[in-house]
């Protein structure tokens, strides 16, 4: 995919149904998703990112912690794309 076509990343948790995952936006973001995000930022650069949480919304501290994680990953890995 051309980098110019990537306009936004969406990060979200999911429900593990055993044999498959459902993108439910109602759980914390897990380590493999953070790893994929780091790879995407390294490839595509500093792209706006949205964290989605549609249900089971936690306390503000937990949401801010995910925001801080996204900011940290973007800061560290967007330099690789430059």
N, C-alpha and C. Protein backbone atom coordinates (compact mmCIF):
# COMPACT_ATOMS: atom_id res chain seq x y z
N UNK A 1 0.85 -1.17 0.00
CA UNK A 1 0.00 0.00 0.00
C UNK A 1 0.89 1.24 0.00
N UNK A 2 0.63 2.19 -0.86
CA UNK A 2 1.41 3.42 -0.87
C UNK A 2 1.22 4.19 0.44
N UNK A 3 2.31 4.67 1.00
CA UNK A 3 2.25 5.42 2.26
C UNK A 3 1.32 6.62 2.16
N UNK A 4 1.22 7.21 1.00
CA UNK A 4 0.36 8.39 0.82
C UNK A 4 -1.12 8.07 1.00
N UNK A 5 -1.49 6.79 0.95
CA UNK A 5 -2.89 6.40 1.10
C UNK A 5 -3.28 6.15 2.56
N UNK A 6 -2.28 6.03 3.43
CA UNK A 6 -2.54 5.76 4.85
C UNK A 6 -2.83 7.09 5.54
N UNK A 7 -4.04 7.24 6.03
CA UNK A 7 -4.47 8.51 6.62
C UNK A 7 -4.68 8.45 8.12
N UNK A 8 -4.96 7.26 8.68
CA UNK A 8 -5.22 7.16 10.12
C UNK A 8 -5.07 5.71 10.55
N UNK A 9 -4.53 5.53 11.76
CA UNK A 9 -4.48 4.22 12.39
C UNK A 9 -5.58 4.16 13.44
N UNK A 10 -6.22 3.02 13.56
CA UNK A 10 -7.22 2.79 14.60
C UNK A 10 -6.70 1.67 15.49
N UNK A 11 -6.65 1.91 16.78
CA UNK A 11 -6.21 0.91 17.75
C UNK A 11 -7.39 0.54 18.64
N UNK A 12 -7.55 -0.75 18.90
CA UNK A 12 -8.66 -1.18 19.74
C UNK A 12 -8.38 -2.56 20.30
N UNK A 13 -9.12 -2.88 21.35
CA UNK A 13 -9.08 -4.22 21.92
C UNK A 13 -10.07 -5.11 21.19
N UNK A 14 -10.04 -6.38 21.57
CA UNK A 14 -10.91 -7.35 20.90
C UNK A 14 -11.37 -8.40 21.89
N UNK A 15 -12.29 -9.23 21.47
CA UNK A 15 -12.73 -10.37 22.25
C UNK A 15 -12.16 -11.64 21.62
N UNK A 16 -11.52 -12.45 22.44
CA UNK A 16 -10.95 -13.71 21.98
C UNK A 16 -12.00 -14.80 22.14
N UNK A 17 -12.46 -15.35 21.04
CA UNK A 17 -13.52 -16.35 21.05
C UNK A 17 -12.95 -17.77 20.93
N UNK A 18 -11.67 -17.92 21.21
CA UNK A 18 -11.03 -19.23 21.11
C UNK A 18 -10.44 -19.48 19.74
N UNK A 19 -11.28 -19.71 18.76
CA UNK A 19 -10.81 -19.96 17.41
C UNK A 19 -10.71 -18.73 16.53
N UNK A 20 -11.21 -17.61 17.04
CA UNK A 20 -11.17 -16.37 16.26
C UNK A 20 -11.27 -15.16 17.20
N UNK A 21 -10.91 -14.01 16.66
CA UNK A 21 -10.98 -12.75 17.40
C UNK A 21 -12.08 -11.88 16.80
N UNK A 22 -12.79 -11.17 17.66
CA UNK A 22 -13.81 -10.23 17.19
C UNK A 22 -13.38 -8.83 17.62
N UNK A 23 -13.34 -7.93 16.67
CA UNK A 23 -12.92 -6.54 16.90
C UNK A 23 -14.05 -5.80 17.61
N UNK A 24 -14.12 -5.94 18.93
CA UNK A 24 -15.25 -5.43 19.70
C UNK A 24 -15.03 -4.05 20.30
N UNK A 25 -13.79 -3.58 20.31
CA UNK A 25 -13.48 -2.26 20.87
C UNK A 25 -13.88 -2.17 22.35
N UNK A 26 -13.84 -3.27 23.06
CA UNK A 26 -14.29 -3.22 24.46
C UNK A 26 -13.30 -3.83 25.46
N UNK A 27 -12.06 -3.97 25.02
CA UNK A 27 -11.00 -4.48 25.90
C UNK A 27 -9.74 -3.63 25.69
N UNK A 28 -8.81 -3.72 26.60
CA UNK A 28 -7.55 -3.00 26.42
C UNK A 28 -6.82 -3.49 25.17
N UNK A 29 -5.98 -2.66 24.64
CA UNK A 29 -5.13 -3.01 23.50
C UNK A 29 -4.07 -3.99 24.00
N UNK A 30 -3.89 -5.10 23.30
CA UNK A 30 -2.96 -6.15 23.73
C UNK A 30 -1.59 -5.99 23.05
N UNK A 31 -0.59 -6.64 23.62
CA UNK A 31 0.79 -6.50 23.14
C UNK A 31 0.96 -6.75 21.64
N UNK A 32 0.36 -7.78 21.05
CA UNK A 32 0.54 -7.97 19.60
C UNK A 32 0.02 -6.79 18.77
N UNK A 33 -1.03 -6.13 19.23
CA UNK A 33 -1.56 -4.96 18.52
C UNK A 33 -0.57 -3.80 18.65
N UNK A 34 -0.02 -3.61 19.84
CA UNK A 34 1.00 -2.57 20.01
C UNK A 34 2.20 -2.84 19.10
N UNK A 35 2.61 -4.11 18.99
CA UNK A 35 3.74 -4.46 18.12
C UNK A 35 3.42 -4.15 16.65
N UNK A 36 2.21 -4.49 16.23
CA UNK A 36 1.80 -4.19 14.86
C UNK A 36 1.76 -2.68 14.62
N UNK A 37 1.28 -1.94 15.60
CA UNK A 37 1.26 -0.48 15.49
C UNK A 37 2.67 0.07 15.33
N UNK A 38 3.62 -0.45 16.11
CA UNK A 38 5.01 0.01 16.00
C UNK A 38 5.55 -0.25 14.60
N UNK A 39 5.25 -1.41 14.05
CA UNK A 39 5.70 -1.72 12.69
C UNK A 39 5.04 -0.79 11.66
N UNK A 40 3.76 -0.52 11.84
CA UNK A 40 3.05 0.36 10.91
C UNK A 40 3.61 1.78 10.96
N UNK A 41 3.89 2.27 12.15
CA UNK A 41 4.45 3.62 12.28
C UNK A 41 5.84 3.67 11.65
N UNK A 42 6.62 2.61 11.84
CA UNK A 42 7.95 2.56 11.23
C UNK A 42 7.85 2.59 9.71
N UNK A 43 6.83 1.96 9.14
CA UNK A 43 6.67 1.92 7.69
C UNK A 43 6.04 3.18 7.12
N UNK A 44 5.01 3.70 7.80
CA UNK A 44 4.20 4.77 7.22
C UNK A 44 4.42 6.14 7.86
N UNK A 45 5.17 6.19 8.95
CA UNK A 45 5.48 7.48 9.56
C UNK A 45 4.42 7.95 10.55
N UNK A 46 4.49 9.21 10.83
CA UNK A 46 3.65 9.85 11.85
C UNK A 46 2.25 10.09 11.29
N UNK A 47 1.38 9.09 11.46
CA UNK A 47 0.01 9.13 10.95
C UNK A 47 -0.93 9.35 12.15
N UNK A 48 -1.95 10.18 12.03
CA UNK A 48 -2.90 10.33 13.14
C UNK A 48 -3.42 8.97 13.59
N UNK A 49 -3.59 8.85 14.89
CA UNK A 49 -3.99 7.57 15.49
C UNK A 49 -5.18 7.78 16.41
N UNK A 50 -6.14 6.87 16.33
CA UNK A 50 -7.31 6.92 17.20
C UNK A 50 -7.37 5.62 18.00
N UNK A 51 -7.62 5.77 19.30
CA UNK A 51 -7.87 4.61 20.15
C UNK A 51 -9.38 4.50 20.32
N UNK A 52 -9.93 3.34 19.98
CA UNK A 52 -11.37 3.13 20.04
C UNK A 52 -11.74 2.30 21.26
N UNK A 53 -12.69 2.78 22.01
CA UNK A 53 -13.22 2.03 23.17
C UNK A 53 -14.71 2.32 23.19
N UNK A 54 -15.51 1.36 22.71
CA UNK A 54 -16.95 1.56 22.55
C UNK A 54 -17.80 1.00 23.68
N UNK A 55 -17.21 0.14 24.52
CA UNK A 55 -17.96 -0.48 25.60
C UNK A 55 -16.96 -0.88 26.68
N UNK A 56 -17.44 -1.21 27.86
CA UNK A 56 -16.57 -1.54 28.99
C UNK A 56 -15.52 -0.46 29.20
N UNK A 57 -15.93 0.77 29.17
CA UNK A 57 -15.01 1.90 29.26
C UNK A 57 -14.42 1.96 30.67
N UNK A 58 -13.08 1.91 30.77
CA UNK A 58 -12.43 1.90 32.08
C UNK A 58 -12.29 3.32 32.66
N UNK A 59 -11.67 3.36 33.80
CA UNK A 59 -11.35 4.65 34.42
C UNK A 59 -10.43 5.45 33.51
N UNK A 60 -10.46 6.75 33.67
CA UNK A 60 -9.67 7.65 32.84
C UNK A 60 -8.19 7.30 32.86
N UNK A 61 -7.67 6.89 34.01
CA UNK A 61 -6.25 6.56 34.11
C UNK A 61 -5.84 5.48 33.13
N UNK A 62 -6.68 4.47 32.96
CA UNK A 62 -6.36 3.39 32.02
C UNK A 62 -6.38 3.89 30.58
N UNK A 63 -7.33 4.74 30.26
CA UNK A 63 -7.40 5.30 28.91
C UNK A 63 -6.19 6.17 28.62
N UNK A 64 -5.80 6.98 29.60
CA UNK A 64 -4.63 7.84 29.43
C UNK A 64 -3.36 7.00 29.29
N UNK A 65 -3.28 5.88 30.01
CA UNK A 65 -2.12 4.99 29.89
C UNK A 65 -2.00 4.44 28.46
N UNK A 66 -3.13 4.08 27.84
CA UNK A 66 -3.09 3.62 26.46
C UNK A 66 -2.68 4.76 25.52
N UNK A 67 -3.18 5.94 25.78
CA UNK A 67 -2.78 7.11 24.99
C UNK A 67 -1.29 7.36 25.10
N UNK A 68 -0.76 7.28 26.32
CA UNK A 68 0.67 7.47 26.53
C UNK A 68 1.48 6.40 25.79
N UNK A 69 0.99 5.17 25.79
CA UNK A 69 1.67 4.08 25.08
C UNK A 69 1.71 4.38 23.58
N UNK A 70 0.58 4.80 23.02
CA UNK A 70 0.54 5.12 21.59
C UNK A 70 1.49 6.27 21.26
N UNK A 71 1.50 7.28 22.10
CA UNK A 71 2.40 8.42 21.86
C UNK A 71 3.86 8.00 21.93
N UNK A 72 4.19 7.15 22.90
CA UNK A 72 5.57 6.68 23.05
C UNK A 72 6.00 5.85 21.85
N UNK A 73 5.16 4.93 21.43
CA UNK A 73 5.48 4.10 20.26
C UNK A 73 5.64 4.97 19.02
N UNK A 74 4.73 5.91 18.82
CA UNK A 74 4.81 6.79 17.64
C UNK A 74 6.09 7.61 17.67
N UNK A 75 6.45 8.13 18.82
CA UNK A 75 7.67 8.94 18.93
C UNK A 75 8.92 8.12 18.63
N UNK A 76 8.96 6.88 19.13
CA UNK A 76 10.14 6.05 18.93
C UNK A 76 10.25 5.50 17.51
N UNK A 77 9.13 5.14 16.91
CA UNK A 77 9.18 4.41 15.64
C UNK A 77 8.97 5.29 14.41
N UNK A 78 8.39 6.47 14.56
CA UNK A 78 8.19 7.30 13.37
C UNK A 78 9.51 7.81 12.83
N UNK A 79 10.51 7.87 13.68
CA UNK A 79 11.85 8.30 13.23
C UNK A 79 12.41 7.31 12.22
N UNK A 80 12.06 6.03 12.35
CA UNK A 80 12.56 5.01 11.43
C UNK A 80 12.01 5.21 10.02
N UNK A 81 10.81 5.77 9.92
CA UNK A 81 10.17 5.94 8.62
C UNK A 81 10.73 7.13 7.86
N UNK A 82 11.37 8.03 8.58
CA UNK A 82 11.86 9.27 7.94
C UNK A 82 13.03 8.99 7.00
